[in-house]
């Protein structure tokens, strides 16, 4: 009767190349069961042993080739009778007083030479065997010294975790391949640390942005419920404020979804013209280079729209255009040049491009890159200050969505501050193939699309 307990039946490990792995005594390598019986797995797993065997094998091959070449040269040398004549009294057939005849000397020289060659071969083989053992020891020593930096880097890398990405290998020494690998690994750790920190900051800011409207809604409802004499007008005003907070939260969630969608890549592409897209998104009055027509005077819109064909996702590119124009209008202030927004589309070095310039506050050059990160705004504030005028602040995601959309299409985003205030932003897309050209719709906006 067999034991059906979970620990009773142990499955035999299986190697797809060598067959079932049988258990071996402690300290020995496992062996494998095959159709022809049991064989040992002798391939060393340690790279140190592999290097040692490689060094030793190369030494044995070189030593054997050297000895073989030496033996060949010695064996091909012509036999000499000088040594035989010097010992002629002891030769067979000699009486100690007369010199043997030349044939006898030649036979004796050949026999002596054969004995010397045999002795040379035996002594050379013994020397080669001894040096082979020495080469194994020296090869293991040298392999250990060569691999010592790798062991140090491995130990340091194992101590690095997701919560401790600030540590580095910091390998010192000559500028060789191992140091180059360590420096590359440190650079990767630096990028990972930056990505983790950006992700943590993004989660914290998103949590704050999502929690604030909820807190505001709850406060409005609590105040309305705590007032026993609340009138219909006050309750209606409270409901409108709750609705406005809900709409603001909806806009934020929609922006987050757009950011996630653009970072995921493109699922649909079609041919479109940046000029037509920008023209459709501009109000007619603003396009005519006049004010917005509302009670508050808006910036003048200057548009120079040339053909700029693009292959991409129309919804994402439209969101890119809307975010750039809204950002240019929202953060526009009147200065010496007045208040204006200038849009340009066309071909630049064979690539479709969109450029937007606007007047506004002076932007320090070292803060331009931060404006394209999620929830980053000009100045020291990272998140919005909810209060009066907050509708003009934006969500802090517009330019980060612009960057994500451009990256998904294989494009680039460049921005630089204007000397008199404001910002210039240029988005460049990859060259657009002719309509009807077969394209890969599964890729993620590479320049070859």
Protein backbone atom coordinates (compact mmCIF):
# COMPACT_ATOMS: atom_id res chain seq x y z
CA UNK A 1 0.00 0.00 0.00
CA UNK A 2 1.42 3.35 -0.99
CA UNK A 3 1.36 6.47 1.14
CA UNK A 4 -0.85 9.12 -0.45
CA UNK A 5 0.41 11.98 1.75
CA UNK A 6 1.62 15.12 -0.06
CA UNK A 7 5.24 14.58 0.97
CA UNK A 8 5.38 10.91 0.10
CA UNK A 9 5.58 11.18 -3.67
CA UNK A 10 8.53 13.18 -4.88
CA UNK A 11 8.82 13.94 -8.55
CA UNK A 12 12.15 13.19 -10.19
CA UNK A 13 13.75 16.29 -11.73
CA UNK A 14 13.95 16.09 -15.49
CA UNK A 15 16.48 17.62 -17.84
CA UNK A 16 15.06 18.02 -21.38
CA UNK A 17 18.47 17.28 -22.90
CA UNK A 18 19.93 14.64 -20.56
CA UNK A 19 16.81 12.95 -19.19
CA UNK A 20 15.74 12.32 -15.57
CA UNK A 21 18.16 13.64 -12.96
CA UNK A 22 18.96 11.01 -10.33
CA UNK A 23 20.08 11.90 -6.82
CA UNK A 24 23.80 11.64 -6.15
CA UNK A 25 25.68 11.40 -2.85
CA UNK A 26 26.45 14.62 -1.09
CA UNK A 27 29.35 16.47 -2.67
CA UNK A 28 28.99 14.79 -6.06
CA UNK A 29 27.35 15.97 -9.25
CA UNK A 30 24.02 14.42 -10.24
CA UNK A 31 23.85 11.78 -12.94
CA UNK A 32 21.21 11.32 -15.61
CA UNK A 33 19.27 8.22 -16.55
CA UNK A 34 19.23 7.61 -20.30
CA UNK A 35 18.24 4.78 -22.56
CA UNK A 36 21.78 3.40 -22.49
CA UNK A 37 22.18 3.51 -18.72
CA UNK A 38 23.43 6.16 -16.30
CA UNK A 39 25.97 8.82 -17.16
CA UNK A 40 27.52 11.60 -15.14
CA UNK A 41 27.00 15.23 -15.92
CA UNK A 42 30.58 16.44 -16.08
CA UNK A 43 30.06 19.91 -17.57
CA UNK A 44 31.30 22.42 -14.97
CA UNK A 45 28.80 25.07 -13.95
CA UNK A 46 31.31 27.56 -12.55
CA UNK A 47 32.80 29.96 -15.05
CA UNK A 48 35.99 29.88 -12.97
CA UNK A 49 36.38 26.15 -13.61
CA UNK A 50 35.52 26.63 -17.27
CA UNK A 51 38.21 29.27 -17.63
CA UNK A 52 40.64 27.03 -15.73
CA UNK A 53 39.98 24.10 -18.03
CA UNK A 54 40.23 26.39 -21.05
CA UNK A 55 43.61 27.75 -19.91
CA UNK A 56 44.88 24.24 -19.16
CA UNK A 57 43.63 22.84 -22.44
CA UNK A 58 45.32 25.63 -24.38
CA UNK A 59 48.55 25.00 -22.45
CA UNK A 60 48.42 21.26 -23.08
CA UNK A 61 47.76 21.79 -26.79
CA UNK A 62 50.58 24.34 -27.08
CA UNK A 63 52.98 22.17 -25.03
CA UNK A 64 52.16 19.04 -27.00
CA UNK A 65 52.64 20.91 -30.28
CA UNK A 66 56.00 22.27 -29.08
CA UNK A 67 57.22 18.83 -27.96
CA UNK A 68 55.98 17.22 -31.15
CA UNK A 69 57.75 19.80 -33.27
CA UNK A 70 60.98 19.38 -31.24
CA UNK A 71 60.78 15.57 -31.52
CA UNK A 72 60.19 15.85 -35.27
CA UNK A 73 63.24 18.07 -35.73
CA UNK A 74 65.46 15.78 -33.62
CA UNK A 75 64.24 12.62 -35.35
CA UNK A 76 64.93 14.10 -38.79
CA UNK A 77 68.52 15.06 -37.91
CA UNK A 78 71.21 12.87 -39.57
CA UNK A 79 72.84 10.33 -37.19
CA UNK A 80 76.44 11.13 -36.17
CA UNK A 81 79.20 8.50 -35.74
CA UNK A 82 81.45 10.79 -33.73
CA UNK A 83 79.99 9.76 -30.41
CA UNK A 84 80.14 6.12 -31.43
CA UNK A 85 83.84 6.32 -32.48
CA UNK A 86 84.77 7.91 -29.16
CA UNK A 87 83.53 4.84 -27.33
CA UNK A 88 84.68 2.34 -29.97
CA UNK A 89 86.69 0.14 -27.55
CA UNK A 90 83.46 -0.92 -25.96
CA UNK A 91 81.63 -1.65 -29.17
CA UNK A 92 80.65 -5.18 -30.04
CA UNK A 93 83.20 -6.73 -32.41
CA UNK A 94 86.10 -4.56 -31.28
CA UNK A 95 89.20 -5.90 -29.46
CA UNK A 96 89.87 -2.62 -27.69
CA UNK A 97 92.90 -1.84 -29.92
CA UNK A 98 91.41 -1.35 -33.37
CA UNK A 99 88.56 0.92 -34.53
CA UNK A 100 85.40 -0.85 -35.73
CA UNK A 101 84.45 -0.54 -39.32
CA UNK A 102 82.03 2.27 -40.41
CA UNK A 103 78.94 0.03 -40.81
CA UNK A 104 79.27 -1.05 -37.18
CA UNK A 105 79.62 2.54 -36.05
CA UNK A 106 76.53 3.54 -38.04
CA UNK A 107 74.42 0.75 -36.51
CA UNK A 108 75.56 1.67 -33.05
CA UNK A 109 74.83 5.39 -33.67
CA UNK A 110 71.33 4.61 -34.85
CA UNK A 111 70.66 2.45 -31.80
CA UNK A 112 72.01 5.18 -29.49
CA UNK A 113 69.90 7.79 -31.27
CA UNK A 114 66.75 5.66 -30.91
CA UNK A 115 67.39 5.28 -27.18
CA UNK A 116 67.88 9.03 -26.86
CA UNK A 117 64.68 9.78 -28.75
CA UNK A 118 62.75 7.37 -26.56
CA UNK A 119 64.23 8.91 -23.43
CA UNK A 120 63.40 12.41 -24.77
CA UNK A 121 59.81 11.37 -25.45
CA UNK A 122 59.35 9.85 -21.99
CA UNK A 123 60.92 12.75 -20.13
CA UNK A 124 58.98 15.29 -22.24
CA UNK A 125 55.71 13.49 -21.52
CA UNK A 126 56.44 13.50 -17.77
CA UNK A 127 57.34 17.19 -17.91
CA UNK A 128 54.15 17.96 -19.88
CA UNK A 129 52.03 16.07 -17.32
CA UNK A 130 53.65 17.93 -14.42
CA UNK A 131 53.24 21.28 -16.13
CA UNK A 132 49.63 20.42 -16.96
CA UNK A 133 48.87 19.99 -13.28
CA UNK A 134 50.72 23.22 -12.57
CA UNK A 135 48.74 24.96 -15.31
CA UNK A 136 45.48 23.84 -13.71
CA UNK A 137 46.51 25.37 -10.39
CA UNK A 138 47.84 28.54 -11.99
CA UNK A 139 44.82 28.75 -14.32
CA UNK A 140 42.41 28.52 -11.39
CA UNK A 141 44.40 31.18 -9.56
CA UNK A 142 44.41 33.52 -12.54
CA UNK A 143 40.72 32.88 -13.28
CA UNK A 144 39.93 33.76 -9.68
CA UNK A 145 41.84 37.02 -9.93
CA UNK A 146 40.14 37.89 -13.23
CA UNK A 147 36.67 37.10 -11.86
CA UNK A 148 37.21 38.80 -8.47
CA UNK A 149 35.66 42.09 -9.67
CA UNK A 150 32.65 40.17 -10.96
CA UNK A 151 32.14 38.54 -7.56
CA UNK A 152 32.37 41.97 -5.93
CA UNK A 153 29.84 43.42 -8.38
CA UNK A 154 27.50 40.43 -7.89
CA UNK A 155 27.57 40.80 -4.11
CA UNK A 156 26.94 44.55 -4.37
CA UNK A 157 24.10 44.05 -6.87
CA UNK A 158 22.40 41.52 -4.59
CA UNK A 159 22.38 44.07 -1.78
CA UNK A 160 20.53 46.57 -3.96
CA UNK A 161 16.74 46.42 -3.70
CA UNK A 162 13.83 48.48 -4.99
CA UNK A 163 13.90 50.50 -1.77
CA UNK A 164 17.65 51.14 -1.94
CA UNK A 165 18.34 52.14 -5.55
CA UNK A 166 20.66 54.91 -4.42
CA UNK A 167 23.54 52.46 -3.96
CA UNK A 168 26.05 51.97 -6.76
CA UNK A 169 28.71 49.41 -7.62
CA UNK A 170 31.33 52.20 -7.86
CA UNK A 171 34.02 49.92 -9.26
CA UNK A 172 37.49 51.45 -9.35
CA UNK A 173 40.47 50.41 -11.41
CA UNK A 174 41.67 50.60 -15.00
CA UNK A 175 39.26 51.49 -17.78
CA UNK A 176 38.74 47.93 -18.98
CA UNK A 177 35.70 45.90 -20.03
CA UNK A 178 34.71 45.02 -16.45
CA UNK A 179 34.74 48.65 -15.32
CA UNK A 180 32.76 49.63 -18.42
CA UNK A 181 30.16 47.01 -17.54
CA UNK A 182 30.01 48.23 -13.94
CA UNK A 183 29.64 51.86 -15.04
CA UNK A 184 26.86 50.86 -17.44
CA UNK A 185 25.10 49.02 -14.62
CA UNK A 186 25.39 52.10 -12.40
CA UNK A 187 23.86 54.21 -15.17
CA UNK A 188 20.96 51.76 -15.45
CA UNK A 189 20.48 51.96 -11.68
CA UNK A 190 20.44 55.73 -11.92
CA UNK A 191 17.72 55.65 -14.57
CA UNK A 192 15.75 53.12 -12.55
CA UNK A 193 16.06 55.27 -9.43
CA UNK A 194 14.82 58.29 -11.36
CA UNK A 195 11.91 56.29 -12.77
CA UNK A 196 10.96 54.94 -9.33
CA UNK A 197 11.15 58.38 -7.77
CA UNK A 198 9.07 59.87 -10.59
CA UNK A 199 6.53 57.07 -10.17
CA UNK A 200 6.31 57.64 -6.42
CA UNK A 201 5.92 61.38 -6.94
CA UNK A 202 3.29 60.79 -9.60
CA UNK A 203 1.27 58.47 -7.34
CA UNK A 204 1.49 60.93 -4.45
CA UNK A 205 0.43 63.89 -6.60
CA UNK A 206 -2.35 61.93 -8.30
CA UNK A 207 -3.65 60.79 -4.92
CA UNK A 208 -3.66 64.38 -3.71
CA UNK A 209 -5.40 65.65 -6.85
CA UNK A 210 -8.05 62.93 -6.66
CA UNK A 211 -8.61 63.27 -2.93
CA UNK A 212 -9.02 67.04 -2.92
CA UNK A 213 -12.31 67.18 -4.93
CA UNK A 214 -13.73 64.40 -2.77
CA UNK A 215 -12.80 66.29 0.38
CA UNK A 216 -14.33 69.46 -1.05
CA UNK A 217 -17.55 67.66 -1.95
CA UNK A 218 -17.81 66.12 1.50
CA UNK A 219 -17.22 69.49 3.16
CA UNK A 220 -19.92 71.17 1.03
CA UNK A 221 -22.43 68.42 1.82
CA UNK A 222 -21.59 68.47 5.56
CA UNK A 223 -22.03 72.25 5.72
CA UNK A 224 -25.36 72.05 3.90
CA UNK A 225 -26.64 69.27 6.16
CA UNK A 226 -25.48 71.04 9.32
CA UNK A 227 -27.59 74.11 8.49
CA UNK A 228 -31.17 73.43 9.76
CA UNK A 229 -32.50 76.57 8.09
CA UNK A 230 -30.94 76.01 4.70
CA UNK A 231 -32.98 77.52 1.92
CA UNK A 232 -33.60 76.12 -1.52
CA UNK A 233 -31.16 78.61 -2.99
CA UNK A 234 -28.34 77.64 -0.61
CA UNK A 235 -28.95 73.94 -1.22
CA UNK A 236 -29.00 74.56 -4.96
CA UNK A 237 -25.72 76.48 -4.71
CA UNK A 238 -24.21 73.61 -2.69
CA UNK A 239 -25.32 71.11 -5.34
CA UNK A 240 -23.79 73.23 -8.07
CA UNK A 241 -20.49 73.36 -6.20
CA UNK A 242 -20.57 69.58 -5.71
CA UNK A 243 -21.29 69.16 -9.40
CA UNK A 244 -18.40 71.46 -10.33
CA UNK A 245 -16.05 69.46 -8.09
CA UNK A 246 -17.27 66.25 -9.73
CA UNK A 247 -16.66 67.68 -13.19
CA UNK A 248 -13.18 68.72 -12.15
CA UNK A 249 -12.51 65.20 -10.89
CA UNK A 250 -13.86 63.78 -14.15
CA UNK A 251 -11.48 65.98 -16.16
CA UNK A 252 -8.57 64.77 -14.05
CA UNK A 253 -9.48 61.10 -14.49
CA UNK A 254 -9.90 61.61 -18.23
CA UNK A 255 -6.47 63.25 -18.39
CA UNK A 256 -4.92 60.36 -16.45
CA UNK A 257 -6.53 57.85 -18.80
CA UNK A 258 -5.26 59.79 -21.82
CA UNK A 259 -1.76 59.81 -20.35
CA UNK A 260 -1.89 56.06 -19.72
CA UNK A 261 -3.24 55.40 -23.20
CA UNK A 262 -0.54 57.45 -24.89
CA UNK A 263 2.20 55.76 -22.87
CA UNK A 264 0.84 52.33 -23.85
CA UNK A 265 1.42 52.98 -27.56
CA UNK A 266 -0.63 53.30 -30.73
CA UNK A 267 -3.43 50.94 -31.64
CA UNK A 268 -4.84 52.88 -34.60
CA UNK A 269 -3.18 55.02 -37.24
CA UNK A 270 -4.42 57.01 -40.16
CA UNK A 271 -3.24 59.86 -42.35
CA UNK A 272 -4.08 63.39 -41.21
CA UNK A 273 -2.88 66.95 -41.71
CA UNK A 274 -1.69 68.95 -38.73
CA UNK A 275 -2.81 72.17 -40.43
CA UNK A 276 -6.40 70.98 -40.77
CA UNK A 277 -6.40 69.65 -37.23
CA UNK A 278 -5.13 72.92 -35.76
CA UNK A 279 -7.52 74.99 -37.93
CA UNK A 280 -10.51 72.96 -36.71
CA UNK A 281 -9.54 73.52 -33.09
CA UNK A 282 -9.30 77.32 -33.38
CA UNK A 283 -12.41 79.48 -32.93
CA UNK A 284 -13.18 81.57 -35.99
CA UNK A 285 -12.83 84.91 -34.19
CA UNK A 286 -9.46 83.98 -32.75
CA UNK A 287 -8.32 82.60 -36.08
CA UNK A 288 -9.14 86.00 -37.61
CA UNK A 289 -6.53 87.53 -35.31
CA UNK A 290 -9.00 89.22 -33.01
CA UNK A 291 -10.06 88.87 -29.41
CA UNK A 292 -12.01 86.00 -27.99
CA UNK A 293 -15.27 87.96 -28.04
CA UNK A 294 -15.97 87.34 -24.36
CA UNK A 295 -16.12 89.90 -21.60
CA UNK A 296 -12.45 89.26 -20.80
CA UNK A 297 -10.07 90.18 -23.57
CA UNK A 298 -8.15 87.10 -24.68
CA UNK A 299 -4.82 86.81 -26.48
CA UNK A 300 -4.65 87.44 -30.21
CA UNK A 301 -4.18 84.29 -32.26
CA UNK A 302 -1.70 84.35 -35.11
CA UNK A 303 -1.73 81.25 -37.31
CA UNK A 304 0.54 80.28 -40.18
CA UNK A 305 -0.67 76.82 -41.12
CA UNK A 306 1.16 74.96 -43.87
CA UNK A 307 0.62 71.33 -44.95
CA UNK A 308 2.11 68.84 -42.47
CA UNK A 309 0.95 65.25 -43.17
CA UNK A 310 1.25 62.85 -40.23
CA UNK A 311 0.49 59.15 -39.79
CA UNK A 312 -0.86 58.58 -36.31
CA UNK A 313 -3.79 58.35 -33.94
CA UNK A 314 -6.13 61.31 -34.67
CA UNK A 315 -7.56 61.45 -31.14
CA UNK A 316 -4.16 61.50 -29.46
CA UNK A 317 -2.73 64.10 -31.84
CA UNK A 318 -5.87 66.21 -31.37
CA UNK A 319 -5.35 66.00 -27.60
CA UNK A 320 -1.75 67.11 -28.14
CA UNK A 321 -2.88 70.17 -30.12
CA UNK A 322 -5.61 71.05 -27.63
CA UNK A 323 -3.27 70.77 -24.65
CA UNK A 324 -0.64 72.98 -26.26
CA UNK A 325 -3.11 75.67 -27.33
CA UNK A 326 -4.97 75.63 -23.99
CA UNK A 327 -1.67 75.87 -22.13
CA UNK A 328 -0.54 78.78 -24.31
CA UNK A 329 -3.82 80.66 -23.74
CA UNK A 330 -4.19 79.86 -20.05
CA UNK A 331 -0.69 80.97 -19.06
CA UNK A 332 -0.68 84.02 -21.28
CA UNK A 333 -0.07 87.47 -19.81
CA UNK A 334 0.13 90.80 -21.55
CA UNK A 335 3.56 92.37 -21.79
CA UNK A 336 5.42 94.84 -23.98
CA UNK A 337 4.36 92.94 -27.10
CA UNK A 338 0.76 92.62 -26.02
CA UNK A 339 -0.89 89.25 -25.48
CA UNK A 340 -0.74 86.77 -28.36
CA UNK A 341 -0.38 83.12 -29.32
CA UNK A 342 1.32 82.16 -32.57
CA UNK A 343 0.82 78.73 -34.20
CA UNK A 344 2.80 77.32 -37.10
CA UNK A 345 2.59 74.02 -38.96
CA UNK A 346 4.68 72.84 -41.88
CA UNK A 347 7.64 70.71 -42.93
CA UNK A 348 11.00 71.16 -41.27
CA UNK A 349 13.94 69.15 -42.65
CA UNK A 350 11.47 66.79 -44.29
CA UNK A 351 9.53 66.16 -41.07
CA UNK A 352 6.07 67.48 -40.15
CA UNK A 353 6.21 69.89 -37.24
CA UNK A 354 3.98 72.03 -35.04
CA UNK A 355 5.25 75.09 -33.23
CA UNK A 356 3.44 77.26 -30.69
CA UNK A 357 4.81 80.50 -29.23
CA UNK A 358 3.06 82.62 -26.64
CA UNK A 359 3.62 85.61 -24.44
CA UNK A 360 3.56 85.10 -20.70
CA UNK A 361 5.64 85.17 -17.54
CA UNK A 362 9.39 84.72 -17.77
CA UNK A 363 10.26 81.01 -17.49
CA UNK A 364 13.68 80.15 -16.02
CA UNK A 365 15.58 77.92 -18.41
CA UNK A 366 16.31 75.32 -15.73
CA UNK A 367 12.56 74.87 -15.07
CA UNK A 368 11.47 74.23 -18.64
CA UNK A 369 12.10 70.47 -18.52
CA UNK A 370 10.10 70.15 -15.29
CA UNK A 371 6.99 71.62 -16.94
CA UNK A 372 6.68 68.44 -19.02
CA UNK A 373 6.49 66.15 -15.98
CA UNK A 374 3.15 65.15 -14.47
CA UNK A 375 1.73 67.61 -11.92
CA UNK A 376 4.69 69.95 -12.29
CA UNK A 377 4.05 73.68 -12.61
CA UNK A 378 6.12 76.78 -12.87
CA UNK A 379 7.61 77.67 -9.50
CA UNK A 380 7.89 75.53 -6.40
CA UNK A 381 4.29 74.26 -6.29
CA UNK A 382 3.84 70.65 -7.33
CA UNK A 383 0.05 70.48 -7.07
CA UNK A 384 -2.81 72.87 -7.54
CA UNK A 385 -4.01 75.26 -4.90
CA UNK A 386 -7.76 74.79 -4.84
CA UNK A 387 -9.57 78.01 -4.34
CA UNK A 388 -10.55 81.09 -6.18
CA UNK A 389 -9.31 81.07 -9.74
CA UNK A 390 -8.36 77.42 -9.68
CA UNK A 391 -10.16 76.79 -12.97
CA UNK A 392 -7.40 78.73 -14.72
CA UNK A 393 -4.57 76.67 -13.25
CA UNK A 394 -5.07 73.49 -15.24
CA UNK A 395 -4.53 69.94 -14.12
CA UNK A 396 -0.75 69.84 -14.42
CA UNK A 397 -0.95 66.98 -16.94
CA UNK A 398 -1.26 68.84 -20.24
CA UNK A 399 2.40 69.03 -21.24
CA UNK A 400 3.19 65.55 -19.90
CA UNK A 401 0.43 64.21 -22.16
CA UNK A 402 2.01 66.15 -25.05
CA UNK A 403 5.34 64.42 -24.38
CA UNK A 404 3.73 60.98 -24.11
CA UNK A 405 1.76 61.42 -27.34
CA UNK A 406 4.80 62.65 -29.26
CA UNK A 407 6.92 59.77 -27.94
CA UNK A 408 4.24 57.23 -28.90
CA UNK A 409 4.38 58.57 -32.47
CA UNK A 410 8.19 58.49 -32.56
CA UNK A 411 8.39 62.28 -32.41
CA UNK A 412 10.24 64.76 -30.26
CA UNK A 413 9.22 67.74 -28.13
CA UNK A 414 11.49 70.76 -27.74
CA UNK A 415 10.80 73.79 -25.57
CA UNK A 416 12.73 76.92 -24.76
CA UNK A 417 11.84 80.15 -22.94
CA UNK A 418 11.37 83.41 -24.80
CA UNK A 419 13.58 86.30 -23.74
CA UNK A 420 10.66 88.67 -23.07
CA UNK A 421 8.52 86.05 -21.38
CA UNK A 422 6.49 83.10 -22.52
CA UNK A 423 7.44 79.77 -24.02
CA UNK A 424 8.13 78.29 -27.44
CA UNK A 425 7.26 74.63 -28.00
CA UNK A 426 8.01 72.63 -31.13
CA UNK A 427 6.72 69.10 -31.77
CA UNK A 428 8.32 67.17 -34.63
CA UNK A 429 6.91 63.93 -36.03
CA UNK A 430 8.57 61.28 -38.20
CA UNK A 431 8.33 61.65 -41.99
CA UNK A 432 4.97 60.51 -43.24
CA UNK A 433 4.92 57.84 -45.97
CA UNK A 434 2.80 58.37 -49.04
CA UNK A 435 -0.88 57.45 -48.61
CA UNK A 436 -1.48 53.85 -49.61
CA UNK A 437 1.92 52.68 -48.38
CA UNK A 438 1.68 49.53 -46.30
CA UNK A 439 2.58 50.27 -42.69
CA UNK A 440 2.84 48.25 -39.52
CA UNK A 441 -0.08 49.14 -37.29
CA UNK A 442 1.14 47.10 -34.38
CA UNK A 443 4.30 49.11 -33.67
CA UNK A 444 4.66 51.99 -31.31
CA UNK A 445 5.26 55.01 -33.49
CA UNK A 446 8.80 54.34 -34.65
CA UNK A 447 10.43 56.71 -37.09
CA UNK A 448 10.29 54.06 -39.76
CA UNK A 449 6.48 53.99 -39.82
